Amino acid sequence: MLPKKCYTALAIFLLTGLPFTFGQTVHNIWAPPYKHGIAAVAEDRIITFEDLRKEMAPLIGNLRDDSGSPAEFEQKMQELYLDVLQSLIDRVLIVKDFYSEEERQIPRSYVDNEYDRIIIEDFGNDRRKFLASLQEEGKSVREFRNELLENIVVSVMRGQMRKSQSEISPEKIQNFYSQNKIHFFQEEKVHLRLIMLKPFADEGPDLLRQSAEKVTAELKAGKSFAVVAKKYSQDSRRNRGGDWGWINRADLRDELSEVAFSLRAGEFSKPVELGEQIFILYVEDAQVEGIQPLFEVRDRIENILAGRLARQAQSRWLERLRKNAYVKYY
């Protein structure tokens, strides 16, 4: 991680808005927008350097943390600048494409609902705080609602580019599975619940064993392990019925994993003494080690292939929009 003083002059400007002097490396990229206030023009929309600053500023801290040297940070800043600028340009082109067909409209209720949601969730339903925030940004309510509308338009248009999973043939699914079986390897796991007992004050081991026998008797009588765990267990998952979720062998101490992985689904163990504590384990479900069969991973494969098709479709769509658009960089 770089020390905080390793921010570039551009990063300082993006975070604070203070003037800066560019080094030779970044001069050609950022000097014009800083000088003129315009980064690009897409169709009839001006994209300002301030627009870029607002988008980039929240990301700079992580960028610095992930950089091993000032030179690497500088390179990542350049890449981020270009990515954000392209994203802002694409947004303009997508909105224009949406309105190229007159019948396309976003119901006003969609914007109203999103507007109300933001006030409730982000400002505690306090409209005064919301309006004060807009004023601080130098933005009117009308401008804010227009931004919401454009966000919805972009989301709708990107969603329409997604390909239906029904277009993915069984042959493609089978081929993907055959070529990527190693990615569907699963370790041996158990879905584990446990009851942990420990002595109170000066309670001796014999009293603790009696408590364990009482717990075991209730389980043998058919009571739910989860109910019994809530009643007796003294571990951190007591309120969850002793549920520790799916566990690998390496997640447990050897003494406990040996017991847990010897149980079948639906079985509980005899009391296991470890130091001053006693454990009773219950395996709710188990999965064996090996390659998962196709029927278990078919949905995952469909999602992977559908995602690939969607990205390809969106890429072709954006390339078409960019090719036919007026864009000027400064």
C-alpha atoms as a PDB file:
ATOM      1  CA  MET A   1       0.000   0.000   0.000  1.00  0.00           C
ATOM      2  CA  LEU A   2       1.328   3.432  -0.906  1.00  0.00           C
ATOM      3  CA  PRO A   3       1.519   6.134   1.756  1.00  0.00           C
ATOM      4  CA  LYS A   4      -1.180   8.778   1.463  1.00  0.00           C
ATOM      5  CA  LYS A   5       1.359  11.395   0.365  1.00  0.00           C
ATOM      6  CA  CYS A   6       1.795   9.427  -2.870  1.00  0.00           C
ATOM      7  CA  TYR A   7      -1.396  10.803  -4.392  1.00  0.00           C
ATOM      8  CA  THR A   8      -0.677  12.416  -7.766  1.00  0.00           C
ATOM      9  CA  ALA A   9      -1.573  16.046  -8.360  1.00  0.00           C
ATOM     10  CA  LEU A  10      -4.542  14.881 -10.430  1.00  0.00           C
ATOM     11  CA  ALA A  11      -5.779  12.652  -7.606  1.00  0.00           C
ATOM     12  CA  ILE A  12      -5.592  15.575  -5.193  1.00  0.00           C
ATOM     13  CA  PHE A  13      -7.678  17.669  -7.572  1.00  0.00           C
ATOM     14  CA  LEU A  14     -10.228  14.884  -8.006  1.00  0.00           C
ATOM     15  CA  LEU A  15     -10.577  14.561  -4.247  1.00  0.00           C
ATOM     16  CA  THR A  16     -10.570  18.244  -3.307  1.00  0.00           C
ATOM     17  CA  GLY A  17     -11.113  20.316  -6.439  1.00  0.00           C
ATOM     18  CA  LEU A  18      -7.914  22.269  -5.710  1.00  0.00           C
ATOM     19  CA  PRO A  19      -5.789  23.436  -8.675  1.00  0.00           C
ATOM     20  CA  PHE A  20      -2.834  21.287  -9.647  1.00  0.00           C
ATOM     21  CA  THR A  21       0.135  21.050 -11.989  1.00  0.00           C
ATOM     22  CA  PHE A  22       0.456  18.002 -14.223  1.00  0.00           C
ATOM     23  CA  GLY A  23       3.572  15.965 -14.665  1.00  0.00           C
ATOM     24  CA  GLN A  24       4.724  15.269 -18.209  1.00  0.00           C
ATOM     25  CA  THR A  25       3.250  11.749 -18.182  1.00  0.00           C
ATOM     26  CA  VAL A  26      -0.341  12.810 -17.611  1.00  0.00           C
ATOM     27  CA  HIS A  27      -0.202  16.283 -19.143  1.00  0.00           C
ATOM     28  CA  ASN A  28      -1.539  15.268 -22.526  1.00  0.00           C
ATOM     29  CA  ILE A  29      -4.474  13.417 -21.002  1.00  0.00           C
ATOM     30  CA  TRP A  30      -5.734  15.859 -18.394  1.00  0.00           C
ATOM     31  CA  ALA A  31      -4.427  19.325 -19.127  1.00  0.00           C
ATOM     32  CA  PRO A  32      -7.062  20.239 -21.771  1.00  0.00           C
ATOM     33  CA  PRO A  33     -10.137  19.312 -19.681  1.00  0.00           C
ATOM     34  CA  TYR A  34      -8.703  21.108 -16.675  1.00  0.00           C
ATOM     35  CA  LYS A  35      -7.957  24.199 -18.757  1.00  0.00           C
ATOM     36  CA  HIS A  36     -11.303  24.388 -20.548  1.00  0.00           C
ATOM     37  CA  GLY A  37     -13.557  22.526 -18.104  1.00  0.00           C
ATOM     38  CA  ILE A  38     -14.688  20.149 -20.856  1.00  0.00           C
ATOM     39  CA  ALA A  39     -13.525  16.548 -21.130  1.00  0.00           C
ATOM     40  CA  ALA A  40     -15.661  15.548 -24.120  1.00  0.00           C
ATOM     41  CA  VAL A  41     -18.801  16.290 -26.076  1.00  0.00           C
ATOM     42  CA  ALA A  42     -21.095  13.358 -26.874  1.00  0.00           C
ATOM     43  CA  GLU A  43     -23.876  14.251 -29.291  1.00  0.00           C
ATOM     44  CA  ASP A  44     -25.366  17.402 -27.726  1.00  0.00           C
ATOM     45  CA  ARG A  45     -24.164  16.676 -24.178  1.00  0.00           C
ATOM     46  CA  ILE A  46     -21.066  18.260 -22.641  1.00  0.00           C
ATOM     47  CA  ILE A  47     -19.116  16.042 -20.259  1.00  0.00           C
ATOM     48  CA  THR A  48     -17.144  18.247 -17.907  1.00  0.00           C
ATOM     49  CA  PHE A  49     -14.059  17.562 -15.919  1.00  0.00           C
ATOM     50  CA  GLU A  50     -16.205  18.070 -12.833  1.00  0.00           C
ATOM     51  CA  ASP A  51     -18.430  15.188 -13.998  1.00  0.00           C
ATOM     52  CA  LEU A  52     -15.336  13.019 -14.124  1.00  0.00           C
ATOM     53  CA  ARG A  53     -14.151  14.227 -10.735  1.00  0.00           C
ATOM     54  CA  LYS A  54     -17.441  13.227  -9.088  1.00  0.00           C
ATOM     55  CA  GLU A  55     -17.292   9.740 -10.607  1.00  0.00           C
ATOM     56  CA  MET A  56     -13.596   9.121  -9.933  1.00  0.00           C
ATOM     57  CA  ALA A  57     -13.058  10.647  -6.485  1.00  0.00           C
ATOM     58  CA  PRO A  58     -14.695   7.816  -4.464  1.00  0.00           C
ATOM     59  CA  LEU A  59     -12.458   5.262  -6.211  1.00  0.00           C
ATOM     60  CA  ILE A  60      -9.067   6.889  -5.727  1.00  0.00           C
ATOM     61  CA  GLY A  61      -8.426   5.638  -2.178  1.00  0.00           C
ATOM     62  CA  ASN A  62      -8.779   1.986  -3.169  1.00  0.00           C
ATOM     63  CA  LEU A  63      -6.710   2.637  -6.281  1.00  0.00           C
ATOM     64  CA  ARG A  64      -3.886   3.949  -4.130  1.00  0.00           C
ATOM     65  CA  ASP A  65      -4.153   1.038  -1.702  1.00  0.00           C
ATOM     66  CA  ASP A  66      -3.872  -1.458  -4.567  1.00  0.00           C
ATOM     67  CA  SER A  67      -0.832   0.234  -6.128  1.00  0.00           C
ATOM     68  CA  GLY A  68       2.711  -0.836  -5.335  1.00  0.00           C
ATOM     69  CA  SER A  69       4.465   2.279  -6.591  1.00  0.00           C
ATOM     70  CA  PRO A  70       3.702   5.865  -7.649  1.00  0.00           C
ATOM     71  CA  ALA A  71       4.218   4.849 -11.272  1.00  0.00           C
ATOM     72  CA  GLU A  72       1.658   2.055 -10.957  1.00  0.00           C
ATOM     73  CA  PHE A  73      -0.778   4.431  -9.281  1.00  0.00           C
ATOM     74  CA  GLU A  74      -0.286   6.943 -12.094  1.00  0.00           C
ATOM     75  CA  GLN A  75      -0.989   4.241 -14.689  1.00  0.00           C
ATOM     76  CA  LYS A  76      -4.133   3.117 -12.889  1.00  0.00           C
ATOM     77  CA  MET A  77      -5.305   6.714 -12.652  1.00  0.00           C
ATOM     78  CA  GLN A  78      -4.980   7.080 -16.412  1.00  0.00           C
ATOM     79  CA  GLU A  79      -6.897   3.848 -17.008  1.00  0.00           C
ATOM     80  CA  LEU A  80      -9.624   4.881 -14.561  1.00  0.00           C
ATOM     81  CA  TYR A  81      -9.948   8.270 -16.243  1.00  0.00           C
ATOM     82  CA  LEU A  82     -10.426   6.700 -19.666  1.00  0.00           C
ATOM     83  CA  ASP A  83     -12.851   4.050 -18.358  1.00  0.00           C
ATOM     84  CA  VAL A  84     -15.018   6.600 -16.543  1.00  0.00           C
ATOM     85  CA  LEU A  85     -15.008   8.977 -19.501  1.00  0.00           C
ATOM     86  CA  GLN A  86     -16.090   6.185 -21.850  1.00  0.00           C
ATOM     87  CA  SER A  87     -18.801   5.162 -19.411  1.00  0.00           C
ATOM     88  CA  LEU A  88     -20.193   8.705 -19.302  1.00  0.00           C
ATOM     89  CA  ILE A  89     -20.137   8.911 -23.097  1.00  0.00           C
ATOM     90  CA  ASP A  90     -21.861   5.526 -23.415  1.00  0.00           C
ATOM     91  CA  ARG A  91     -24.556   6.709 -21.030  1.00  0.00           C
ATOM     92  CA  VAL A  92     -25.377   9.624 -23.353  1.00  0.00           C
ATOM     93  CA  LEU A  93     -25.465   7.339 -26.387  1.00  0.00           C
ATOM     94  CA  ILE A  94     -27.666   4.752 -24.674  1.00  0.00           C
ATOM     95  CA  VAL A  95     -30.213   7.378 -23.637  1.00  0.00           C
ATOM     96  CA  LYS A  96     -30.294   8.755 -27.187  1.00  0.00           C
ATOM     97  CA  ASP A  97     -30.813   5.241 -28.579  1.00  0.00           C
ATOM     98  CA  PHE A  98     -33.719   4.694 -26.180  1.00  0.00           C
ATOM     99  CA  TYR A  99     -35.547   7.806 -27.369  1.00  0.00           C
ATOM    100  CA  SER A 100     -34.851   7.059 -31.037  1.00  0.00           C
ATOM    101  CA  GLU A 101     -38.138   5.126 -31.009  1.00  0.00           C
ATOM    102  CA  GLU A 102     -41.097   7.273 -30.042  1.00  0.00           C
ATOM    103  CA  GLU A 103     -43.055   4.457 -28.445  1.00  0.00           C
ATOM    104  CA  ARG A 104     -40.360   3.938 -25.816  1.00  0.00           C
ATOM    105  CA  GLN A 105     -41.289   5.699 -22.594  1.00  0.00           C
ATOM    106  CA  ILE A 106     -40.473   5.240 -18.922  1.00  0.00           C
ATOM    107  CA  PRO A 107     -43.594   5.549 -16.726  1.00  0.00           C
ATOM    108  CA  ARG A 108     -43.404   8.538 -14.399  1.00  0.00           C
ATOM    109  CA  SER A 109     -44.203   6.205 -11.499  1.00  0.00           C
ATOM    110  CA  TYR A 110     -40.809   4.500 -11.950  1.00  0.00           C
ATOM    111  CA  VAL A 111     -39.014   7.781 -11.337  1.00  0.00           C
ATOM    112  CA  ASP A 112     -41.356   8.714  -8.481  1.00  0.00           C
ATOM    113  CA  ASN A 113     -40.746   5.390  -6.738  1.00  0.00           C
ATOM    114  CA  GLU A 114     -36.960   5.660  -7.086  1.00  0.00           C
ATOM    115  CA  TYR A 115     -37.062   9.284  -5.930  1.00  0.00           C
ATOM    116  CA  ASP A 116     -39.032   8.324  -2.808  1.00  0.00           C
ATOM    117  CA  ARG A 117     -36.808   5.295  -2.149  1.00  0.00           C
ATOM    118  CA  ILE A 118     -33.654   7.411  -2.128  1.00  0.00           C
ATOM    119  CA  ILE A 119     -35.165   9.952   0.271  1.00  0.00           C
ATOM    120  CA  ILE A 120     -36.304   7.176   2.625  1.00  0.00           C
ATOM    121  CA  GLU A 121     -33.190   4.967   2.521  1.00  0.00           C
ATOM    122  CA  ASP A 122     -30.421   7.557   2.086  1.00  0.00           C
ATOM    123  CA  PHE A 123     -31.853  10.485   4.039  1.00  0.00           C
ATOM    124  CA  GLY A 124     -34.044   8.823   6.671  1.00  0.00           C
ATOM    125  CA  ASN A 125     -37.171  10.168   4.947  1.00  0.00           C
ATOM    126  CA  ASP A 126     -36.008  13.690   5.807  1.00  0.00           C
ATOM    127  CA  ARG A 127     -36.692  15.857   2.745  1.00  0.00           C
ATOM    128  CA  ARG A 128     -34.874  18.810   4.256  1.00  0.00           C
ATOM    129  CA  LYS A 129     -31.649  16.806   4.414  1.00  0.00           C
ATOM    130  CA  PHE A 130     -32.231  15.652   0.867  1.00  0.00           C
ATOM    131  CA  LEU A 131     -32.778  19.187  -0.448  1.00  0.00           C
ATOM    132  CA  ALA A 132     -29.754  20.437   1.489  1.00  0.00           C
ATOM    133  CA  SER A 133     -27.657  17.726  -0.143  1.00  0.00           C
ATOM    134  CA  LEU A 134     -28.874  18.772  -3.595  1.00  0.00           C
ATOM    135  CA  GLN A 135     -28.088  22.402  -2.826  1.00  0.00           C
ATOM    136  CA  GLU A 136     -24.578  21.460  -1.738  1.00  0.00           C
ATOM    137  CA  GLU A 137     -24.080  19.723  -5.085  1.00  0.00           C
ATOM    138  CA  GLY A 138     -25.509  22.703  -6.943  1.00  0.00           C
ATOM    139  CA  LYS A 139     -28.259  20.550  -8.375  1.00  0.00           C
ATOM    140  CA  SER A 140     -31.991  21.224  -8.683  1.00  0.00           C
ATOM    141  CA  VAL A 141     -34.744  18.701  -8.012  1.00  0.00           C
ATOM    142  CA  ARG A 142     -35.560  18.707 -11.742  1.00  0.00           C
ATOM    143  CA  GLU A 143     -31.934  17.872 -12.597  1.00  0.00           C
ATOM    144  CA  PHE A 144     -31.885  15.123  -9.984  1.00  0.00           C
ATOM    145  CA  ARG A 145     -35.082  13.576 -11.345  1.00  0.00           C
ATOM    146  CA  ASN A 146     -33.654  13.734 -14.875  1.00  0.00           C
ATOM    147  CA  GLU A 147     -30.606  11.817 -13.645  1.00  0.00           C
ATOM    148  CA  LEU A 148     -32.882   9.189 -12.108  1.00  0.00           C
ATOM    149  CA  LEU A 149     -34.768   8.884 -15.379  1.00  0.00           C
ATOM    150  CA  GLU A 150     -31.538   8.401 -17.307  1.00  0.00           C
ATOM    151  CA  ASN A 151     -30.366   5.774 -14.792  1.00  0.00           C
ATOM    152  CA  ILE A 152     -33.579   3.849 -15.364  1.00  0.00           C
ATOM    153  CA  VAL A 153     -33.294   4.215 -19.142  1.00  0.00           C
ATOM    154  CA  VAL A 154     -29.714   2.884 -19.126  1.00  0.00           C
ATOM    155  CA  SER A 155     -30.724  -0.031 -16.899  1.00  0.00           C
ATOM    156  CA  VAL A 156     -33.660  -0.909 -19.163  1.00  0.00           C
ATOM    157  CA  MET A 157     -31.597  -0.719 -22.333  1.00  0.00           C
ATOM    158  CA  ARG A 158     -28.763  -2.813 -20.923  1.00  0.00           C
ATOM    159  CA  GLY A 159     -31.303  -5.340 -19.686  1.00  0.00           C
ATOM    160  CA  GLN A 160     -32.759  -5.695 -23.161  1.00  0.00           C
ATOM    161  CA  MET A 161     -29.342  -6.729 -24.433  1.00  0.00           C
ATOM    162  CA  ARG A 162     -29.308  -9.821 -22.254  1.00  0.00           C
ATOM    163  CA  LYS A 163     -29.864 -13.083 -24.073  1.00  0.00           C
ATOM    164  CA  SER A 164     -32.459 -15.542 -22.857  1.00  0.00           C
ATOM    165  CA  GLN A 165     -31.104 -18.719 -21.271  1.00  0.00           C
ATOM    166  CA  SER A 166     -33.507 -20.641 -23.503  1.00  0.00           C
ATOM    167  CA  GLU A 167     -31.227 -19.807 -26.432  1.00  0.00           C
ATOM    168  CA  ILE A 168     -28.449 -21.906 -24.895  1.00  0.00           C
ATOM    169  CA  SER A 169     -28.622 -25.392 -26.346  1.00  0.00           C
ATOM    170  CA  PRO A 170     -28.105 -28.586 -24.320  1.00  0.00           C
ATOM    171  CA  GLU A 171     -25.080 -29.304 -26.532  1.00  0.00           C
ATOM    172  CA  LYS A 172     -23.406 -26.045 -25.490  1.00  0.00           C
ATOM    173  CA  ILE A 173     -24.079 -26.819 -21.849  1.00  0.00           C
ATOM    174  CA  GLN A 174     -22.659 -30.331 -22.206  1.00  0.00           C
ATOM    175  CA  ASN A 175     -19.563 -29.067 -24.030  1.00  0.00           C
ATOM    176  CA  PHE A 176     -18.886 -26.422 -21.401  1.00  0.00           C
ATOM    177  CA  TYR A 177     -19.279 -28.995 -18.631  1.00  0.00           C
ATOM    178  CA  SER A 178     -16.942 -31.473 -20.359  1.00  0.00           C
ATOM    179  CA  GLN A 179     -14.256 -28.830 -20.914  1.00  0.00           C
ATOM    180  CA  ASN A 180     -14.465 -27.317 -17.433  1.00  0.00           C
ATOM    181  CA  LYS A 181     -15.119 -30.241 -15.096  1.00  0.00           C
ATOM    182  CA  ILE A 182     -12.254 -29.244 -12.834  1.00  0.00           C
ATOM    183  CA  HIS A 183     -14.174 -26.087 -11.929  1.00  0.00           C
ATOM    184  CA  PHE A 184     -17.048 -28.193 -10.606  1.00  0.00           C
ATOM    185  CA  PHE A 185     -14.942 -30.133  -8.120  1.00  0.00           C
ATOM    186  CA  GLN A 186     -16.380 -29.988  -4.622  1.00  0.00           C
ATOM    187  CA  GLU A 187     -14.651 -30.807  -1.363  1.00  0.00           C
ATOM    188  CA  GLU A 188     -16.156 -33.108   1.202  1.00  0.00           C
ATOM    189  CA  LYS A 189     -18.397 -31.001   3.458  1.00  0.00           C
ATOM    190  CA  VAL A 190     -21.011 -31.378   6.154  1.00  0.00           C
ATOM    191  CA  HIS A 191     -23.791 -29.028   7.168  1.00  0.00           C
ATOM    192  CA  LEU A 192     -23.068 -29.010  10.879  1.00  0.00           C
ATOM    193  CA  ARG A 193     -25.010 -28.161  13.996  1.00  0.00           C
ATOM    194  CA  LEU A 194     -23.464 -28.529  17.424  1.00  0.00           C
ATOM    195  CA  ILE A 195     -24.213 -28.171  21.102  1.00  0.00           C
ATOM    196  CA  MET A 196     -21.364 -26.962  23.284  1.00  0.00           C
ATOM    197  CA  LEU A 197     -21.505 -27.360  27.054  1.00  0.00           C
ATOM    198  CA  LYS A 198     -19.067 -25.833  29.532  1.00  0.00           C
ATOM    199  CA  PRO A 199     -19.014 -25.788  33.323  1.00  0.00           C
ATOM    200  CA  PHE A 200     -20.610 -23.011  35.341  1.00  0.00           C
ATOM    201  CA  ALA A 201     -18.448 -21.507  38.120  1.00  0.00           C
ATOM    202  CA  ASP A 202     -16.940 -24.408  40.080  1.00  0.00           C
ATOM    203  CA  GLU A 203     -19.078 -27.083  38.418  1.00  0.00           C
ATOM    204  CA  GLY A 204     -17.071 -30.300  38.153  1.00  0.00           C
ATOM    205  CA  PRO A 205     -16.721 -32.598  35.123  1.00  0.00           C
ATOM    206  CA  ASP A 206     -19.212 -35.114  36.528  1.00  0.00           C
ATOM    207  CA  LEU A 207     -22.013 -32.510  36.597  1.00  0.00           C
ATOM    208  CA  LEU A 208     -21.115 -31.464  33.060  1.00  0.00           C
ATOM    209  CA  ARG A 209     -21.323 -35.093  31.915  1.00  0.00           C
ATOM    210  CA  GLN A 210     -24.749 -35.363  33.537  1.00  0.00           C
ATOM    211  CA  SER A 211     -25.862 -32.311  31.544  1.00  0.00           C
ATOM    212  CA  ALA A 212     -24.583 -33.961  28.363  1.00  0.00           C
ATOM    213  CA  GLU A 213     -26.512 -37.136  29.194  1.00  0.00           C
ATOM    214  CA  LYS A 214     -29.674 -35.070  29.689  1.00  0.00           C
ATOM    215  CA  VAL A 215     -29.184 -33.429  26.289  1.00  0.00           C
ATOM    216  CA  THR A 216     -28.549 -36.776  24.627  1.00  0.00           C
ATOM    217  CA  ALA A 217     -31.670 -38.252  26.220  1.00  0.00           C
ATOM    218  CA  GLU A 218     -33.833 -35.469  24.761  1.00  0.00           C
ATOM    219  CA  LEU A 219     -32.306 -35.989  21.312  1.00  0.00           C
ATOM    220  CA  LYS A 220     -32.895 -39.746  21.519  1.00  0.00           C
ATOM    221  CA  ALA A 221     -36.497 -39.002  22.478  1.00  0.00           C
ATOM    222  CA  GLY A 222     -36.905 -37.326  19.083  1.00  0.00           C
ATOM    223  CA  LYS A 223     -36.632 -33.644  19.950  1.00  0.00           C
ATOM    224  CA  SER A 224     -35.297 -31.356  17.227  1.00  0.00           C
ATOM    225  CA  PHE A 225     -31.564 -30.783  17.499  1.00  0.00           C
ATOM    226  CA  ALA A 226     -32.078 -27.083  16.769  1.00  0.00           C
ATOM    227  CA  VAL A 227     -34.621 -26.756  19.597  1.00  0.00           C
ATOM    228  CA  VAL A 228     -32.358 -28.578  22.037  1.00  0.00           C
ATOM    229  CA  ALA A 229     -29.365 -26.472  20.978  1.00  0.00           C
ATOM    230  CA  LYS A 230     -31.283 -23.254  21.658  1.00  0.00           C
ATOM    231  CA  LYS A 231     -32.148 -24.605  25.089  1.00  0.00           C
ATOM    232  CA  TYR A 232     -28.761 -25.905  26.241  1.00  0.00           C
ATOM    233  CA  SER A 233     -25.869 -24.857  23.985  1.00  0.00           C
ATOM    234  CA  GLN A 234     -23.431 -22.235  25.287  1.00  0.00           C
ATOM    235  CA  ASP A 235     -21.704 -21.344  22.021  1.00  0.00           C
ATOM    236  CA  SER A 236     -22.146 -18.264  19.798  1.00  0.00           C
ATOM    237  CA  ARG A 237     -24.603 -20.015  17.447  1.00  0.00           C
ATOM    238  CA  ARG A 238     -27.054 -20.990  20.147  1.00  0.00           C
ATOM    239  CA  ASN A 239     -29.812 -18.685  18.871  1.00  0.00           C
ATOM    240  CA  ARG A 240     -29.447 -20.244  15.421  1.00  0.00           C
ATOM    241  CA  GLY A 241     -30.060 -23.688  16.788  1.00  0.00           C
ATOM    242  CA  GLY A 242     -26.329 -24.435  16.801  1.00  0.00           C
ATOM    243  CA  ASP A 243     -26.153 -24.028  13.028  1.00  0.00           C
ATOM    244  CA  TRP A 244     -22.560 -23.622  11.749  1.00  0.00           C
ATOM    245  CA  GLY A 245     -23.463 -24.060   8.089  1.00  0.00           C
ATOM    246  CA  TRP A 246     -21.321 -25.999   5.624  1.00  0.00           C
ATOM    247  CA  ILE A 247     -17.972 -27.013   7.106  1.00  0.00           C
ATOM    248  CA  ASN A 248     -14.827 -28.477   5.521  1.00  0.00           C
ATOM    249  CA  ARG A 249     -12.634 -30.906   7.420  1.00  0.00           C
ATOM    250  CA  ALA A 250      -9.952 -28.255   7.846  1.00  0.00           C
ATOM    251  CA  ASP A 251     -12.440 -25.909   9.543  1.00  0.00           C
ATOM    252  CA  LEU A 252     -12.633 -28.069  12.665  1.00  0.00           C
ATOM    253  CA  ARG A 253     -10.192 -29.411  15.211  1.00  0.00           C
ATOM    254  CA  ASP A 254      -9.087 -32.916  14.315  1.00  0.00           C
ATOM    255  CA  GLU A 255     -10.979 -34.421  17.252  1.00  0.00           C
ATOM    256  CA  LEU A 256     -14.242 -32.857  16.067  1.00  0.00           C
ATOM    257  CA  SER A 257     -13.792 -33.277  12.310  1.00  0.00           C
ATOM    258  CA  GLU A 258     -13.136 -36.999  12.780  1.00  0.00           C
ATOM    259  CA  VAL A 259     -16.488 -37.324  14.536  1.00  0.00           C
ATOM    260  CA  ALA A 260     -18.421 -34.976  12.254  1.00  0.00           C
ATOM    261  CA  PHE A 261     -17.301 -36.652   9.031  1.00  0.00           C
ATOM    262  CA  SER A 262     -18.113 -40.095  10.376  1.00  0.00           C
ATOM    263  CA  LEU A 263     -21.785 -39.188  10.801  1.00  0.00           C
ATOM    264  CA  ARG A 264     -24.475 -39.638   8.195  1.00  0.00           C
ATOM    265  CA  ALA A 265     -27.006 -36.939   7.384  1.00  0.00           C
ATOM    266  CA  GLY A 266     -29.567 -36.819  10.205  1.00  0.00           C
ATOM    267  CA  GLU A 267     -27.282 -38.415  12.829  1.00  0.00           C
ATOM    268  CA  PHE A 268     -25.943 -36.875  16.046  1.00  0.00           C
ATOM    269  CA  SER A 269     -22.828 -37.911  17.903  1.00  0.00           C
ATOM    270  CA  LYS A 270     -22.081 -39.158  21.366  1.00  0.00           C
ATOM    271  CA  PRO A 271     -20.751 -36.438  23.706  1.00  0.00           C
ATOM    272  CA  VAL A 272     -17.166 -35.478  22.800  1.00  0.00           C
ATOM    273  CA  GLU A 273     -15.014 -34.153  25.655  1.00  0.00           C
ATOM    274  CA  LEU A 274     -12.358 -31.582  24.797  1.00  0.00           C
ATOM    275  CA  GLY A 275     -10.679 -30.059  27.809  1.00  0.00           C
ATOM    276  CA  GLU A 276     -13.384 -28.622  30.045  1.00  0.00           C
ATOM    277  CA  GLN A 277     -15.986 -28.578  27.276  1.00  0.00           C
ATOM    278  CA  ILE A 278     -18.332 -31.196  25.841  1.00  0.00           C
ATOM    279  CA  PHE A 279     -19.587 -31.150  22.266  1.00  0.00           C
ATOM    280  CA  ILE A 280     -22.508 -32.960  20.655  1.00  0.00           C
ATOM    281  CA  LEU A 281     -22.461 -32.796  16.851  1.00  0.00           C
ATOM    282  CA  TYR A 282     -25.279 -33.200  14.359  1.00  0.00           C
ATOM    283  CA  VAL A 283     -24.904 -33.521  10.593  1.00  0.00           C
ATOM    284  CA  GLU A 284     -27.888 -32.016   8.848  1.00  0.00           C
ATOM    285  CA  ASP A 285     -26.605 -32.780   5.356  1.00  0.00           C
ATOM    286  CA  ALA A 286     -23.405 -33.964   3.691  1.00  0.00           C
ATOM    287  CA  GLN A 287     -21.729 -33.760   0.316  1.00  0.00           C
ATOM    288  CA  VAL A 288     -19.057 -36.142  -0.915  1.00  0.00           C
ATOM    289  CA  GLU A 289     -15.789 -35.129  -2.524  1.00  0.00           C
ATOM    290  CA  GLY A 290     -15.686 -35.214  -6.309  1.00  0.00           C
ATOM    291  CA  ILE A 291     -16.927 -33.656  -9.545  1.00  0.00           C
ATOM    292  CA  GLN A 292     -20.518 -32.479  -9.269  1.00  0.00           C
ATOM    293  CA  PRO A 293     -22.822 -34.163 -11.790  1.00  0.00           C
ATOM    294  CA  LEU A 294     -24.168 -32.086 -14.668  1.00  0.00           C
ATOM    295  CA  PHE A 295     -27.734 -31.963 -13.358  1.00  0.00           C
ATOM    296  CA  GLU A 296     -26.494 -30.205 -10.197  1.00  0.00           C
ATOM    297  CA  VAL A 297     -24.572 -27.498 -12.053  1.00  0.00           C
ATOM    298  CA  ARG A 298     -26.734 -27.010 -15.151  1.00  0.00           C
ATOM    299  CA  ASP A 299     -28.211 -23.728 -13.860  1.00  0.00           C
ATOM    300  CA  ARG A 300     -24.746 -22.368 -13.062  1.00  0.00           C
ATOM    301  CA  ILE A 301     -23.508 -23.216 -16.554  1.00  0.00           C
ATOM    302  CA  GLU A 302     -26.570 -21.608 -18.144  1.00  0.00           C
ATOM    303  CA  ASN A 303     -25.908 -18.438 -16.151  1.00  0.00           C
ATOM    304  CA  ILE A 304     -22.246 -18.399 -17.191  1.00  0.00           C
ATOM    305  CA  LEU A 305     -23.050 -18.870 -20.869  1.00  0.00           C
ATOM    306  CA  ALA A 306     -25.926 -16.392 -20.728  1.00  0.00           C
ATOM    307  CA  GLY A 307     -23.604 -13.856 -19.162  1.00  0.00           C
ATOM    308  CA  ARG A 308     -21.089 -14.336 -21.960  1.00  0.00           C
ATOM    309  CA  LEU A 309     -23.770 -13.874 -24.604  1.00  0.00           C
ATOM    310  CA  ALA A 310     -25.039 -10.771 -22.823  1.00  0.00           C
ATOM    311  CA  ARG A 311     -21.574  -9.215 -22.686  1.00  0.00           C
ATOM    312  CA  GLN A 312     -21.000  -9.972 -26.355  1.00  0.00           C
ATOM    313  CA  ALA A 313     -24.388  -8.517 -27.306  1.00  0.00           C
ATOM    314  CA  GLN A 314     -23.772  -5.381 -25.257  1.00  0.00           C
ATOM    315  CA  SER A 315     -20.300  -4.981 -26.740  1.00  0.00           C
ATOM    316  CA  ARG A 316     -21.646  -5.145 -30.319  1.00  0.00           C
ATOM    317  CA  TRP A 317     -24.471  -2.769 -29.413  1.00  0.00           C
ATOM    318  CA  LEU A 318     -22.158  -0.188 -27.850  1.00  0.00           C
ATOM    319  CA  GLU A 319     -19.739  -0.452 -30.762  1.00  0.00           C
ATOM    320  CA  ARG A 320     -22.626   0.358 -33.119  1.00  0.00           C
ATOM    321  CA  LEU A 321     -23.731   3.306 -31.001  1.00  0.00           C
ATOM    322  CA  ARG A 322     -20.187   4.694 -30.822  1.00  0.00           C
ATOM    323  CA  LYS A 323     -19.627   4.250 -34.541  1.00  0.00           C
ATOM    324  CA  ASN A 324     -22.729   6.275 -35.433  1.00  0.00           C
ATOM    325  CA  ALA A 325     -22.318   8.951 -32.766  1.00  0.00           C
ATOM    326  CA  TYR A 326     -20.715  12.371 -32.679  1.00  0.00           C
ATOM    327  CA  VAL A 327     -18.055  12.365 -29.969  1.00  0.00           C
ATOM    328  CA  LYS A 328     -15.303  14.925 -29.556  1.00  0.00           C
ATOM    329  CA  TYR A 329     -12.535  14.623 -26.964  1.00  0.00           C
ATOM    330  CA  TYR A 330     -10.736  17.625 -25.479  1.00  0.00           C
END
